[in-house]
């Protein structure tokens, strides 16, 4: 099973105006050039400069994602809101399968069990995108430590007062390539924005316009 980047459309005038406003309103001259696309996209999606400025990116993250995109690897996410917001053809969310499994351990949340079920199909070849559930991020990191699962890269910005910050700190202290943030803020919109910014950067680096993206494998789900 493989994935492909979505074909893009011309930039909408609302997006153009949004970027114009944020660049007039916020001084981002101190943001590293490798991170500016992610930071701006999060501000565009959330209108929250403080959230965007709390983002941290590991040095090898972009190169690992570029490898994953070139190989058309799948993306695995925690909730359907994230699944719907990502500019990628093959995004898997295990929530429905988790609900249908009577053997789910009692101490598991649906999101962490769904993440485990989906990740188990691609133990060495996927990008993990977690925008809602800290428990899903913690379970992913548990699986990595236990050995059977190693994602290519992780984008994780779960939100909340219970477990969100500690799970993101745990990711930042791991050996995985990552984008995360250093506060309790986050959420699906910010996480999707970060992923979609990485997709745009891939297009720019490879001189491929969004409207030239073509799936390499049409029968991926067969």
Protein backbone atom coordinates (compact mmCIF):
# COMPACT_ATOMS: atom_id res chain seq x y z
CA UNK A 1 0.00 0.00 0.00
CA UNK A 2 1.40 3.36 -0.96
CA UNK A 3 0.38 6.99 -0.88
CA UNK A 4 0.63 10.00 -3.12
CA UNK A 5 0.50 13.73 -2.66
CA UNK A 6 -2.78 15.35 -3.53
CA UNK A 7 -3.09 17.21 -6.77
CA UNK A 8 -3.30 20.87 -5.90
CA UNK A 9 -5.46 23.71 -7.12
CA UNK A 10 -4.55 27.34 -7.67
CA UNK A 11 -4.06 29.25 -4.43
CA UNK A 12 -7.38 30.72 -3.29
CA UNK A 13 -7.56 34.52 -2.87
CA UNK A 14 -8.54 34.03 0.81
CA UNK A 15 -5.30 32.16 1.44
CA UNK A 16 -3.30 34.82 -0.38
CA UNK A 17 -4.90 37.54 1.76
CA UNK A 18 -4.39 35.52 4.94
CA UNK A 19 -0.67 35.19 4.30
CA UNK A 20 -0.44 38.88 3.46
CA UNK A 21 -2.06 39.80 6.77
CA UNK A 22 0.04 37.45 8.90
CA UNK A 23 3.26 38.70 7.30
CA UNK A 24 2.25 42.29 8.04
CA UNK A 25 1.13 41.52 11.58
CA UNK A 26 3.86 39.18 12.82
CA UNK A 27 7.62 39.66 12.69
CA UNK A 28 8.97 36.20 11.95
CA UNK A 29 12.43 37.31 10.86
CA UNK A 30 13.98 35.34 13.71
CA UNK A 31 12.46 32.03 12.58
CA UNK A 32 14.86 29.60 10.93
CA UNK A 33 14.42 29.38 7.16
CA UNK A 34 13.91 25.62 7.32
CA UNK A 35 11.00 26.11 9.76
CA UNK A 36 9.32 29.23 8.38
CA UNK A 37 6.94 27.37 6.08
CA UNK A 38 5.62 25.27 8.97
CA UNK A 39 5.35 28.24 11.32
CA UNK A 40 3.50 30.41 8.79
CA UNK A 41 1.14 27.59 7.84
CA UNK A 42 0.19 27.01 11.48
CA UNK A 43 -0.48 30.72 11.99
CA UNK A 44 -2.55 30.75 8.80
CA UNK A 45 -4.61 27.79 10.08
CA UNK A 46 -4.98 28.85 13.73
CA UNK A 47 -4.32 32.62 13.96
CA UNK A 48 -2.14 31.70 16.94
CA UNK A 49 1.43 33.01 16.76
CA UNK A 50 2.36 31.66 20.20
CA UNK A 51 1.34 28.15 19.23
CA UNK A 52 3.35 28.35 16.02
CA UNK A 53 6.41 29.67 17.83
CA UNK A 54 6.31 26.72 20.24
CA UNK A 55 7.02 24.31 17.37
CA UNK A 56 10.25 22.32 17.41
CA UNK A 57 11.62 20.34 14.47
CA UNK A 58 14.38 17.75 14.62
CA UNK A 59 17.31 18.32 12.22
CA UNK A 60 16.71 15.22 10.09
CA UNK A 61 12.92 15.55 9.85
CA UNK A 62 12.60 17.09 6.39
CA UNK A 63 15.05 14.69 4.71
CA UNK A 64 13.22 11.69 6.20
CA UNK A 65 9.86 12.99 5.00
CA UNK A 66 11.25 13.58 1.55
CA UNK A 67 12.35 9.94 1.43
CA UNK A 68 8.88 8.85 2.55
CA UNK A 69 7.14 10.98 -0.08
CA UNK A 70 9.41 9.70 -2.85
CA UNK A 71 8.60 6.13 -1.78
CA UNK A 72 4.87 6.94 -1.56
CA UNK A 73 4.65 5.60 1.99
CA UNK A 74 1.38 5.78 3.94
CA UNK A 75 0.44 8.21 6.69
CA UNK A 76 -1.16 6.89 9.88
CA UNK A 77 -3.14 9.29 12.06
CA UNK A 78 -5.04 9.23 15.34
CA UNK A 79 -8.46 10.69 14.45
CA UNK A 80 -10.64 11.25 11.40
CA UNK A 81 -10.46 15.03 11.76
CA UNK A 82 -6.75 14.76 11.04
CA UNK A 83 -7.33 12.23 8.28
CA UNK A 84 -9.67 14.66 6.50
CA UNK A 85 -7.23 17.58 6.72
CA UNK A 86 -4.09 16.06 5.24
CA UNK A 87 -3.02 16.71 1.65
CA UNK A 88 -2.12 13.10 0.95
CA UNK A 89 -3.96 10.27 -0.77
CA UNK A 90 -3.23 7.37 1.55
CA UNK A 91 -4.02 8.30 5.16
CA UNK A 92 -5.11 5.54 7.50
CA UNK A 93 -7.04 5.99 10.73
CA UNK A 94 -7.72 2.90 12.84
CA UNK A 95 -10.63 4.23 14.89
CA UNK A 96 -13.35 2.27 13.10
CA UNK A 97 -11.39 -0.94 13.35
CA UNK A 98 -10.71 -0.29 17.03
CA UNK A 99 -14.42 0.14 17.71
CA UNK A 100 -15.18 -3.17 16.00
CA UNK A 101 -12.63 -5.18 17.97
CA UNK A 102 -14.17 -6.68 21.12
CA UNK A 103 -10.71 -7.73 22.30
CA UNK A 104 -9.56 -4.14 22.89
CA UNK A 105 -7.79 -4.02 26.29
CA UNK A 106 -9.85 -2.14 28.87
CA UNK A 107 -7.09 0.32 29.68
CA UNK A 108 -6.66 1.36 26.03
CA UNK A 109 -8.37 4.42 24.60
CA UNK A 110 -9.89 3.97 21.15
CA UNK A 111 -7.31 6.28 19.62
CA UNK A 112 -4.29 4.45 21.02
CA UNK A 113 -5.69 1.07 20.04
CA UNK A 114 -6.60 2.33 16.57
CA UNK A 115 -3.12 3.77 16.15
CA UNK A 116 -1.59 0.45 17.16
CA UNK A 117 -3.77 -1.53 14.76
CA UNK A 118 -2.95 0.73 11.81
CA UNK A 119 0.75 0.99 12.59
CA UNK A 120 1.11 -2.77 12.89
CA UNK A 121 0.41 -3.07 9.15
CA UNK A 122 3.45 -0.95 8.23
CA UNK A 123 5.99 -1.52 11.03
CA UNK A 124 8.91 0.10 9.20
CA UNK A 125 7.31 2.34 6.63
CA UNK A 126 4.93 5.18 7.51
CA UNK A 127 4.67 8.76 8.73
CA UNK A 128 2.70 9.17 11.96
CA UNK A 129 0.53 12.28 12.32
CA UNK A 130 -1.13 12.76 15.72
CA UNK A 131 -3.19 15.88 16.27
CA UNK A 132 -5.67 15.09 19.02
CA UNK A 133 -4.91 12.23 21.41
CA UNK A 134 -1.86 12.21 23.72
CA UNK A 135 -2.62 8.56 24.48
CA UNK A 136 -2.07 7.68 20.82
CA UNK A 137 1.33 9.39 20.83
CA UNK A 138 2.31 7.64 24.05
CA UNK A 139 1.27 4.28 22.60
CA UNK A 140 3.27 4.94 19.43
CA UNK A 141 6.35 5.70 21.52
CA UNK A 142 5.76 2.57 23.61
CA UNK A 143 5.66 0.48 20.44
CA UNK A 144 8.87 2.08 19.22
CA UNK A 145 10.60 1.30 22.51
CA UNK A 146 9.28 -2.25 22.51
CA UNK A 147 10.71 -2.80 19.03
CA UNK A 148 8.01 -3.77 16.54
CA UNK A 149 7.22 -0.27 15.21
CA UNK A 150 9.52 2.40 13.77
CA UNK A 151 7.87 5.25 11.84
CA UNK A 152 9.89 7.16 9.27
CA UNK A 153 8.90 10.46 10.94
CA UNK A 154 6.32 11.81 13.39
CA UNK A 155 4.26 15.01 13.43
CA UNK A 156 2.51 15.22 16.78
CA UNK A 157 0.80 18.20 18.37
CA UNK A 158 -1.94 16.72 20.58
CA UNK A 159 -3.76 19.21 22.75
CA UNK A 160 -5.00 19.22 26.34
CA UNK A 161 -4.19 19.39 30.02
CA UNK A 162 -3.83 15.64 30.57
CA UNK A 163 -0.83 13.99 28.98
CA UNK A 164 -0.36 16.28 25.98
CA UNK A 165 2.78 18.11 27.09
CA UNK A 166 4.44 15.05 28.63
CA UNK A 167 3.85 12.97 25.50
CA UNK A 168 5.34 15.69 23.30
CA UNK A 169 8.34 16.04 25.59
CA UNK A 170 8.80 12.29 25.36
CA UNK A 171 8.78 12.50 21.55
CA UNK A 172 11.29 15.36 21.58
CA UNK A 173 13.61 13.26 23.75
CA UNK A 174 13.35 10.23 21.45
CA UNK A 175 15.52 9.37 18.47
CA UNK A 176 12.62 9.73 16.01
CA UNK A 177 12.55 12.52 13.40
CA UNK A 178 9.73 14.81 14.51
CA UNK A 179 7.73 18.00 14.46
CA UNK A 180 6.07 18.77 17.78
CA UNK A 181 5.52 21.74 20.09
CA UNK A 182 6.51 22.58 23.62
CA UNK A 183 3.20 23.61 25.22
CA UNK A 184 -0.20 22.12 26.05
CA UNK A 185 -1.61 23.85 22.96
CA UNK A 186 -1.95 22.05 19.67
CA UNK A 187 -4.81 20.26 17.96
CA UNK A 188 -5.87 18.82 14.63
CA UNK A 189 -5.84 22.09 12.65
CA UNK A 190 -2.28 22.95 13.69
CA UNK A 191 -1.05 19.41 13.11
CA UNK A 192 -2.59 19.22 9.64
CA UNK A 193 -1.13 22.63 8.84
CA UNK A 194 2.34 21.41 9.79
CA UNK A 195 2.04 18.30 7.60
CA UNK A 196 0.67 20.25 4.65
CA UNK A 197 3.51 22.76 4.96
CA UNK A 198 5.97 19.88 4.70
CA UNK A 199 4.16 18.68 1.56
CA UNK A 200 4.46 22.16 0.05
CA UNK A 201 8.15 22.28 0.87
CA UNK A 202 8.60 18.92 -0.84
CA UNK A 203 6.98 20.34 -3.97
CA UNK A 204 9.23 23.38 -3.86
CA UNK A 205 12.43 21.40 -3.32
CA UNK A 206 11.65 18.99 -6.13
CA UNK A 207 10.36 21.59 -8.58
CA UNK A 208 7.02 19.87 -8.74
CA UNK A 209 3.92 22.02 -8.72
CA UNK A 210 0.91 20.73 -6.78
CA UNK A 211 -1.12 20.41 -9.99
CA UNK A 212 1.54 18.07 -11.41
CA UNK A 213 1.26 15.48 -8.63
CA UNK A 214 0.32 12.07 -9.98
CA UNK A 215 -0.28 8.87 -8.04
CA UNK A 216 2.28 6.22 -8.92
CA UNK A 217 0.14 3.34 -7.75
CA UNK A 218 -3.59 3.38 -8.51
CA UNK A 219 -4.43 0.01 -7.04
CA UNK A 220 -2.83 0.71 -3.66
CA UNK A 221 -5.92 -0.28 -1.71
CA UNK A 222 -6.59 -3.52 -3.61
